[in-house]
Structure formats: C-alpha cells, structure tokens
C-alpha cells in the first residue's frame, strides 16, 4: 500500500465510519498534511458516485439530497465528482443526460486544505450512507439517423427554466412576470400538440422519473403531484423521508406531469402569497396554519378539476387504448413498489386558508391533455 493510499485509508477509518466531530477533524488533518493523497481521494469519491448509481440513485437525486442535508460547498463538490465520473460510466438515456446538463455550474470554491478535506469527508459520509432506491428505466435513446432533440423537448426546457426562476426569485413582481411568460409559451407553442407529434414509446414500456417534493408543506405538495400524475395517466409514489415522488408512466405523460406540477406549484405559491397578504391586512396572523390549509385545499380542488378535465377527453374508441396503457403503468408501479399507502392530508385547521386555496385552484391554469393516438 502506497503512503498516499495509506493516508486516505486512515482518514476514512477515522471519519467515514465514525460520526463524531473528533474523528472528522483527525481525518481532515491527515489529508491536509498530505497533498499527494488528493488524487486518490478524488478517485475514491468517483467510486462512491458510481456506487450510488448502482443503488438506483441518479444525478438529480444526489444533488437534491446534498443540498438539503449539507451546504452549497458540498453541492459544488458533488457536482464536480459526478462530472468527473462520467467518462467511467456506461451510456445512459436522455433524462440522465439532462440531469448532467443541469448540474450546478462552477468549480468548487477554494479554501485552506483542512476546510477542503473536511467538506469532502462530510460529502463522502453522506454518499456512503445512501439507501438503495428502486431503479428507473431510462427512455429509449433516439435511433441513429434521427434528428436531434425534438421540438417539444426544447420548448419544455425553456418553460421549465422560466418556472424555476419564478420559484427562486424573492421578488413577487419578477416571479409573476416569469410565470406569465411561461404561460405565454405554453399557449403559443401548444404543448399538447407537440407531445402528440412526438415519437411514442412502445405500449408495453412505461418508464419512471423522480420529482422533488420539498418542505415546507410537502404533504400537500405530494397530494398535488399525485393528482397531476393521475390525471395524466401516471401513478405517483411519495418517499417522504427522501423528499421526492417517483412517477411511473409513458415518456410524453411524464414530461407533461413534471411541467404541469411545476407550473401549478408556482401558481399556488403566488396565489398563497397574495391571499396571505390580504389576511394580514385584515389583522389575522395565522401564517403557518393558513398556508398549510391553503395548499391542502389547492391540491384537493385542482385534483378534482384535473380529473373532470381528463374525463371529458375520453371517448368510447379511446377506452381500449387507455385500459392497455393503464394496465402497463399499474403493473410497472406495483413491480417497483409492492407495498404502497395512500397519502392523506393532515393538519388542515384554517377554514379561511382552505377557502382561499380552493378559490385559487379554481383560477389556476391547468391546461389540457392531448387525445392519445
């Protein structure tokens, strides 16, 4: 064993299998004192990333968890590790590629060697303890000779970017403008028609994706996502501890679910902020319970609206097609999740919040789903 490998092994023994601060400090000191161990340390990190892929994780899943559990410097280092591991990885599908493209930009920030080693070890601790997840099938790659990304994908990417900015900004006026622009693009390019024109996957090959369901009020958000998924011929299973839902369905439907859920969440947040401002102006200060009840009502009412809209799309000649697709999706979901439970809303105690949430849901733009070919 080389001296550099020995340094890394001793550091790992002190820090990765010991959750104490003293063990972390000892390991960071060892690594900081041996610059020659840096290459081996990075290589071991790439091995942790590869192990995460074998346990069913994907790049977006890892970044989401690191962002929630650690700090921005750890997010940057996780993104750098994921990129560095790509050349050693096997070929992946378009969703995986899109997640790589969406990794945070920029190299990890500098600092003294001890701080760097501490951050790396904290990240490795988290990666080492990742539980196994249900593996997700990748959408089929486009055949050789086919044209590049289909127009629908480019459009969906633009709209997702606008909605992400709307969620991230702290200025209501900017968020409203970004959301309005996204809605304009939705109307102008007719997402439903674009999805209809896209290549359809085989009837017996539903896939799956994971969508983050982050606190606060994650239970209401999970119910909203479930309603969107159901209305779009998909099934959603919520993993509350890891803050995501797995959505099972055909590729075009999965894209629509992700887009519509994000859009409705932005609309709900904006409507809730306005309603809460009005409540405060009236002298009522029940922020937490008001928001919980607002989003619960919003999810419940939007679910009713989406279900009603979906029913109007169904004609007698579509019933056999829908039944075949539903069977395929249900079979895949039950194979991935043999035991599932229904998510029920709790903590709904503010009548005014419920009323305002239901009104906002009635005003929400829910769009329409295309008829199936």
Protein backbone atom coordinates (compact mmCIF):
# COMPACT_ATOMS: atom_id res chain seq x y z
CA UNK A 1 0.00 0.00 0.00
CA UNK A 2 1.44 3.39 -1.01
CA UNK A 3 1.83 6.19 1.50
CA UNK A 4 -0.90 8.26 -0.20
CA UNK A 5 -3.32 5.33 -0.22
CA UNK A 6 -2.48 4.70 3.42
CA UNK A 7 -3.32 8.33 4.24
CA UNK A 8 -6.73 8.05 2.60
CA UNK A 9 -7.46 4.72 4.29
CA UNK A 10 -6.56 6.09 7.71
CA UNK A 11 -8.66 9.21 7.07
CA UNK A 12 -11.64 7.11 6.01
CA UNK A 13 -11.29 4.87 9.03
CA UNK A 14 -11.33 7.92 11.30
CA UNK A 15 -14.16 9.86 9.61
CA UNK A 16 -16.48 7.77 7.42
CA UNK A 17 -17.23 5.07 9.95
CA UNK A 18 -17.27 7.41 12.94
CA UNK A 19 -19.87 10.18 13.14
CA UNK A 20 -18.04 12.20 15.77
CA UNK A 21 -16.55 15.63 15.13
CA UNK A 22 -13.24 14.49 16.59
CA UNK A 23 -12.97 11.70 14.03
CA UNK A 24 -13.74 14.16 11.23
CA UNK A 25 -11.10 16.60 12.49
CA UNK A 26 -8.48 13.85 12.75
CA UNK A 27 -9.18 12.65 9.21
CA UNK A 28 -9.17 16.16 7.76
CA UNK A 29 -5.83 16.86 9.43
CA UNK A 30 -4.32 13.71 7.90
CA UNK A 31 -5.48 14.67 4.40
CA UNK A 32 -4.49 18.33 4.76
CA UNK A 33 -0.95 17.29 5.67
CA UNK A 34 -0.52 15.04 2.62
CA UNK A 35 -1.12 16.83 -0.74
CA UNK A 36 -0.05 13.66 -2.52
CA UNK A 37 -3.28 11.99 -1.34
CA UNK A 38 -5.51 14.36 -3.31
CA UNK A 39 -5.66 12.23 -6.46
CA UNK A 40 -6.53 9.08 -4.54
CA UNK A 41 -9.12 10.98 -2.52
CA UNK A 42 -10.82 12.18 -5.71
CA UNK A 43 -10.71 8.71 -7.23
CA UNK A 44 -12.41 7.24 -4.18
CA UNK A 45 -15.08 9.91 -4.45
CA UNK A 46 -15.82 8.84 -8.01
CA UNK A 47 -16.18 5.29 -6.72
CA UNK A 48 -18.76 6.49 -4.17
CA UNK A 49 -20.69 8.17 -7.00
CA UNK A 50 -20.61 5.00 -9.12
CA UNK A 51 -21.87 3.02 -6.12
CA UNK A 52 -24.76 5.48 -5.77
CA UNK A 53 -25.76 4.80 -9.40
CA UNK A 54 -25.70 1.05 -8.71
CA UNK A 55 -28.04 1.64 -5.76
CA UNK A 56 -30.58 3.31 -8.03
CA UNK A 57 -29.72 6.97 -7.48
CA UNK A 58 -29.46 9.49 -10.31
CA UNK A 59 -27.53 12.79 -10.51
CA UNK A 60 -30.53 14.98 -9.65
CA UNK A 61 -31.35 12.78 -6.66
CA UNK A 62 -27.84 13.11 -5.23
CA UNK A 63 -27.69 16.88 -5.74
CA UNK A 64 -31.14 17.33 -4.19
CA UNK A 65 -30.17 15.36 -1.08
CA UNK A 66 -26.78 17.05 -0.69
CA UNK A 67 -28.40 20.48 -1.00
CA UNK A 68 -30.89 19.61 1.73
CA UNK A 69 -28.52 17.87 4.14
CA UNK A 70 -25.30 19.88 3.71
CA UNK A 71 -24.14 23.26 2.35
CA UNK A 72 -23.55 24.87 -1.03
CA UNK A 73 -19.86 23.97 -1.00
CA UNK A 74 -20.85 20.30 -0.74
CA UNK A 75 -23.27 20.72 -3.65
CA UNK A 76 -20.44 22.13 -5.76
CA UNK A 77 -18.13 19.28 -4.85
CA UNK A 78 -20.83 16.69 -5.52
CA UNK A 79 -21.45 18.18 -8.97
CA UNK A 80 -17.70 18.12 -9.71
CA UNK A 81 -17.46 14.47 -8.65
CA UNK A 82 -20.43 13.50 -10.81
CA UNK A 83 -18.92 15.19 -13.84
CA UNK A 84 -15.55 13.57 -13.21
CA UNK A 85 -17.15 10.12 -13.04
CA UNK A 86 -18.94 10.42 -16.40
CA UNK A 87 -16.06 9.03 -18.54
CA UNK A 88 -16.05 5.85 -16.43
CA UNK A 89 -19.84 5.44 -16.59
CA UNK A 90 -21.85 3.37 -19.04
CA UNK A 91 -24.06 5.02 -21.70
CA UNK A 92 -27.24 6.49 -20.23
CA UNK A 93 -30.54 7.81 -21.55
CA UNK A 94 -31.71 11.36 -22.30
CA UNK A 95 -33.12 12.03 -18.83
CA UNK A 96 -29.74 11.21 -17.29
CA UNK A 97 -28.01 13.48 -19.80
CA UNK A 98 -30.42 16.29 -18.99
CA UNK A 99 -29.62 15.91 -15.29
CA UNK A 100 -25.90 16.14 -16.01
CA UNK A 101 -26.52 19.30 -18.04
CA UNK A 102 -28.46 20.77 -15.12
CA UNK A 103 -25.67 20.26 -12.56
CA UNK A 104 -24.59 23.44 -10.75
CA UNK A 105 -22.02 25.41 -12.70
CA UNK A 106 -18.61 26.46 -11.50
CA UNK A 107 -15.71 24.76 -9.80
CA UNK A 108 -15.80 24.17 -6.04
CA UNK A 109 -14.72 27.22 -4.10
CA UNK A 110 -11.18 27.32 -2.73
CA UNK A 111 -10.02 27.48 0.84
CA UNK A 112 -7.41 26.06 3.12
CA UNK A 113 -6.60 22.38 2.86
CA UNK A 114 -8.17 21.48 6.19
CA UNK A 115 -11.53 23.07 5.24
CA UNK A 116 -11.41 21.39 1.83
CA UNK A 117 -10.74 17.98 3.37
CA UNK A 118 -13.50 18.47 5.94
CA UNK A 119 -16.07 19.28 3.23
CA UNK A 120 -15.00 16.32 1.11
CA UNK A 121 -15.26 13.90 4.03
CA UNK A 122 -18.68 15.25 5.03
CA UNK A 123 -19.86 14.67 1.47
CA UNK A 124 -18.39 11.16 1.38
CA UNK A 125 -20.12 10.34 4.68
CA UNK A 126 -23.44 11.16 3.07
CA UNK A 127 -22.71 9.24 -0.14
CA UNK A 128 -21.59 6.19 1.80
CA UNK A 129 -24.92 6.02 3.65
CA UNK A 130 -27.27 6.37 0.66
CA UNK A 131 -30.01 3.73 0.85
CA UNK A 132 -30.96 1.63 -2.16
CA UNK A 133 -33.70 3.09 -4.39
CA UNK A 134 -35.95 1.48 -6.95
CA UNK A 135 -34.07 1.52 -10.29
CA UNK A 136 -35.62 3.66 -13.00
CA UNK A 137 -35.73 2.59 -16.63
CA UNK A 138 -34.25 5.14 -18.99
CA UNK A 139 -36.27 6.33 -22.01
CA UNK A 140 -35.05 4.73 -25.19
CA UNK A 141 -32.25 6.70 -26.88
CA UNK A 142 -33.07 8.16 -30.27
CA UNK A 143 -32.09 5.87 -33.13
CA UNK A 144 -29.05 6.63 -35.25
CA UNK A 145 -30.02 8.82 -38.18
CA UNK A 146 -32.90 10.50 -36.36
CA UNK A 147 -32.88 14.24 -35.98
CA UNK A 148 -31.66 15.85 -32.75
CA UNK A 149 -33.82 16.82 -29.77
CA UNK A 150 -37.45 17.05 -30.72
CA UNK A 151 -39.08 20.48 -30.65
CA UNK A 152 -41.22 19.58 -27.65
CA UNK A 153 -38.13 18.89 -25.55
CA UNK A 154 -36.57 22.25 -26.38
CA UNK A 155 -39.81 24.01 -25.55
CA UNK A 156 -40.27 22.13 -22.30
CA UNK A 157 -36.71 23.02 -21.29
CA UNK A 158 -37.37 26.73 -21.86
CA UNK A 159 -40.58 26.64 -19.86
CA UNK A 160 -39.01 24.69 -17.01
CA UNK A 161 -36.22 27.26 -16.84
CA UNK A 162 -38.69 30.12 -16.61
CA UNK A 163 -40.70 28.40 -13.89
CA UNK A 164 -37.55 27.55 -11.92
CA UNK A 165 -36.56 31.22 -11.96
CA UNK A 166 -40.05 32.18 -10.85
CA UNK A 167 -39.77 29.81 -7.88
CA UNK A 168 -36.28 31.04 -6.97
CA UNK A 169 -36.76 34.81 -7.06
CA UNK A 170 -37.63 36.68 -3.91
CA UNK A 171 -39.48 39.42 -5.82
CA UNK A 172 -43.21 38.76 -6.41
CA UNK A 173 -43.35 41.06 -9.45
CA UNK A 174 -40.49 39.23 -11.14
CA UNK A 175 -41.98 35.84 -10.31
CA UNK A 176 -45.33 36.88 -11.76
CA UNK A 177 -43.67 38.13 -14.96
CA UNK A 178 -41.67 34.93 -15.37
CA UNK A 179 -44.74 32.79 -14.79
CA UNK A 180 -46.73 34.84 -17.28
CA UNK A 181 -44.00 34.35 -19.89
CA UNK A 182 -44.06 30.61 -19.28
CA UNK A 183 -47.82 30.56 -19.74
CA UNK A 184 -47.41 32.56 -22.96
CA UNK A 185 -45.00 29.97 -24.31
CA UNK A 186 -47.38 27.19 -23.32
CA UNK A 187 -50.19 28.77 -25.30
CA UNK A 188 -48.08 29.83 -28.27
CA UNK A 189 -46.41 26.53 -28.95
CA UNK A 190 -49.28 24.28 -27.88
CA UNK A 191 -47.59 21.70 -25.70
CA UNK A 192 -50.40 19.25 -26.20
CA UNK A 193 -49.91 19.18 -29.97
CA UNK A 194 -46.14 18.89 -29.58
CA UNK A 195 -46.47 15.89 -27.30
CA UNK A 196 -48.90 14.27 -29.73
CA UNK A 197 -46.39 14.65 -32.55
CA UNK A 198 -43.52 13.19 -30.51
CA UNK A 199 -42.37 9.63 -31.01
CA UNK A 200 -44.50 7.40 -28.78
CA UNK A 201 -42.79 4.67 -26.76
CA UNK A 202 -43.92 1.10 -27.09
CA UNK A 203 -47.26 0.39 -25.48
CA UNK A 204 -45.73 -2.07 -23.03
CA UNK A 205 -42.81 0.12 -21.92
CA UNK A 206 -43.74 2.73 -19.32
CA UNK A 207 -40.82 4.44 -17.61
CA UNK A 208 -40.39 6.39 -14.39
CA UNK A 209 -38.84 9.57 -13.05
CA UNK A 210 -38.36 11.20 -9.66
CA UNK A 211 -39.69 14.67 -8.88
CA UNK A 212 -38.61 16.57 -5.78
CA UNK A 213 -41.30 17.28 -3.17
CA UNK A 214 -39.52 19.63 -0.81
CA UNK A 215 -40.55 21.08 2.57
CA UNK A 216 -42.34 23.07 3.76
CA UNK A 217 -45.89 21.75 3.37
CA UNK A 218 -44.57 18.74 1.50
CA UNK A 219 -47.63 16.61 2.23
CA UNK A 220 -49.93 18.95 0.33
CA UNK A 221 -47.37 19.17 -2.49
CA UNK A 222 -47.23 15.36 -2.69
CA UNK A 223 -51.02 15.21 -2.95
CA UNK A 224 -50.93 17.85 -5.71
CA UNK A 225 -48.32 15.85 -7.65
CA UNK A 226 -50.37 12.69 -7.21
CA UNK A 227 -53.42 14.47 -8.65
CA UNK A 228 -51.45 15.76 -11.64
CA UNK A 229 -49.96 12.31 -12.26
CA UNK A 230 -53.31 10.53 -12.06
CA UNK A 231 -54.95 12.95 -14.48
CA UNK A 232 -52.11 12.38 -16.94
CA UNK A 233 -52.31 8.57 -16.96
CA UNK A 234 -49.41 8.15 -14.50
CA UNK A 235 -49.01 6.91 -10.93
CA UNK A 236 -47.02 8.67 -8.19
CA UNK A 237 -45.47 7.16 -5.06
CA UNK A 238 -44.20 9.56 -2.39
CA UNK A 239 -40.97 8.91 -0.49
CA UNK A 240 -41.44 11.27 2.45
CA UNK A 241 -38.02 10.74 4.15
CA UNK A 242 -36.08 11.50 0.95
CA UNK A 243 -38.43 14.28 -0.25
CA UNK A 244 -39.36 13.04 -3.71
CA UNK A 245 -42.10 11.19 -5.53
CA UNK A 246 -41.49 8.53 -8.15
CA UNK A 247 -43.85 8.98 -11.09
CA UNK A 248 -44.50 5.99 -13.35
CA UNK A 249 -45.89 6.45 -16.85
CA UNK A 250 -45.12 6.81 -20.54
CA UNK A 251 -42.49 9.34 -21.54
CA UNK A 252 -44.77 12.00 -23.02
CA UNK A 253 -47.02 11.81 -19.96
CA UNK A 254 -44.04 12.05 -17.59
CA UNK A 255 -42.89 15.24 -19.30
CA UNK A 256 -46.39 16.71 -19.02
CA UNK A 257 -46.65 15.78 -15.33
CA UNK A 258 -43.32 17.41 -14.48
CA UNK A 259 -44.20 20.57 -16.37
CA UNK A 260 -47.76 20.91 -15.09
CA UNK A 261 -46.85 20.16 -11.47
CA UNK A 262 -44.11 22.79 -11.53
CA UNK A 263 -46.43 25.33 -13.10
CA UNK A 264 -49.24 24.68 -10.63
CA UNK A 265 -46.82 24.89 -7.72
CA UNK A 266 -45.63 28.30 -8.91
CA UNK A 267 -49.22 29.47 -9.35
CA UNK A 268 -50.18 28.18 -5.91
CA UNK A 269 -47.23 29.93 -4.25
CA UNK A 270 -48.04 33.23 -5.90
CA UNK A 271 -51.75 32.97 -5.07
CA UNK A 272 -50.98 31.98 -1.48
CA UNK A 273 -48.67 34.97 -1.01
CA UNK A 274 -51.36 37.36 -2.22
CA UNK A 275 -54.06 35.75 -0.10
CA UNK A 276 -51.84 35.77 2.96
CA UNK A 277 -51.10 39.48 2.46
CA UNK A 278 -54.82 40.17 2.41
CA UNK A 279 -55.29 38.13 5.58
CA UNK A 280 -52.60 40.08 7.38
CA UNK A 281 -54.11 43.36 6.23
CA UNK A 282 -57.30 42.24 7.94
CA UNK A 283 -55.45 41.69 11.20
CA UNK A 284 -55.30 37.87 11.06
CA UNK A 285 -51.90 36.28 11.79
CA UNK A 286 -52.13 32.55 11.25
CA UNK A 287 -49.35 32.19 8.72
CA UNK A 288 -48.37 28.54 9.17
CA UNK A 289 -51.86 27.09 9.55
CA UNK A 290 -53.18 29.36 6.80
CA UNK A 291 -50.52 28.18 4.34
CA UNK A 292 -50.96 24.52 5.21
CA UNK A 293 -54.73 24.72 4.76
CA UNK A 294 -54.40 26.85 1.62
CA UNK A 295 -52.12 24.34 -0.14
CA UNK A 296 -54.19 21.37 1.06
CA UNK A 297 -57.34 22.88 -0.43
CA UNK A 298 -55.48 23.85 -3.59
CA UNK A 299 -54.24 20.28 -4.09
CA UNK A 300 -57.67 18.82 -3.38
CA UNK A 301 -59.54 21.18 -5.69
CA UNK A 302 -57.02 21.02 -8.54
CA UNK A 303 -57.23 17.24 -8.33
CA UNK A 304 -60.99 17.44 -8.83
CA UNK A 305 -60.56 19.82 -11.78
CA UNK A 306 -57.91 17.69 -13.45
CA UNK A 307 -59.97 14.53 -13.01
CA UNK A 308 -63.02 16.21 -14.54
CA UNK A 309 -60.96 17.53 -17.44
CA UNK A 310 -59.47 14.11 -18.07
CA UNK A 311 -62.92 12.53 -18.23
CA UNK A 312 -64.03 14.94 -20.94
CA UNK A 313 -61.11 13.77 -23.11
CA UNK A 314 -62.21 10.13 -23.07
CA UNK A 315 -64.30 8.83 -25.93
CA UNK A 316 -65.59 5.31 -26.46
CA UNK A 317 -62.93 4.50 -29.04
CA UNK A 318 -60.16 5.53 -26.64
CA UNK A 319 -61.22 3.22 -23.82
CA UNK A 320 -59.29 0.13 -25.03
CA UNK A 321 -56.13 2.21 -25.56
CA UNK A 322 -56.43 3.83 -22.13
CA UNK A 323 -57.09 0.48 -20.47
CA UNK A 324 -53.98 -1.06 -22.05
CA UNK A 325 -51.78 1.86 -21.02
CA UNK A 326 -53.22 1.96 -17.50
CA UNK A 327 -52.57 -1.74 -17.05
CA UNK A 328 -48.97 -1.34 -18.20
CA UNK A 329 -48.39 1.61 -15.86
CA UNK A 330 -50.05 -0.10 -12.90
CA UNK A 331 -48.06 -3.29 -13.47
CA UNK A 332 -44.80 -1.35 -13.57
CA UNK A 333 -45.72 0.63 -10.46
CA UNK A 334 -46.67 -2.48 -8.49
CA UNK A 335 -43.46 -4.19 -9.54
CA UNK A 336 -41.40 -1.23 -8.29
CA UNK A 337 -43.48 -0.66 -5.14
CA UNK A 338 -45.16 -3.85 -3.92
CA UNK A 339 -46.44 -2.05 -0.82
CA UNK A 340 -47.85 1.47 -1.10
CA UNK A 341 -50.15 3.55 1.05
CA UNK A 342 -52.44 6.46 0.28
CA UNK A 343 -51.23 9.92 1.25
CA UNK A 344 -53.83 11.64 3.43
CA UNK A 345 -53.79 15.32 4.32
CA UNK A 346 -53.28 16.21 7.97
CA UNK A 347 -53.18 19.48 9.87
CA UNK A 348 -55.93 21.28 7.92
CA UNK A 349 -57.34 23.61 10.55
CA UNK A 350 -57.69 27.06 8.97
CA UNK A 351 -61.09 27.49 7.30
CA UNK A 352 -60.12 30.72 5.58
CA UNK A 353 -56.94 29.15 4.27
CA UNK A 354 -58.96 26.27 2.84
CA UNK A 355 -61.45 28.64 1.21
CA UNK A 356 -58.76 30.81 -0.35
CA UNK A 357 -56.85 27.76 -1.57
CA UNK A 358 -59.96 26.36 -3.26
CA UNK A 359 -60.61 29.71 -4.95
CA UNK A 360 -57.01 29.86 -6.20
CA UNK A 361 -57.34 26.34 -7.59
CA UNK A 362 -60.46 27.37 -9.50
CA UNK A 363 -58.45 30.19 -11.09
CA UNK A 364 -55.38 28.05 -11.87
CA UNK A 365 -54.47 27.33 -15.47
CA UNK A 366 -54.49 23.53 -15.66
CA UNK A 367 -54.23 23.15 -19.43
CA UNK A 368 -55.49 20.11 -21.26
CA UNK A 369 -54.06 16.74 -22.17
CA UNK A 370 -53.88 15.55 -25.75
CA UNK A 371 -56.01 12.74 -27.04
CA UNK A 372 -53.97 9.60 -27.33
CA UNK A 373 -53.13 8.34 -30.82
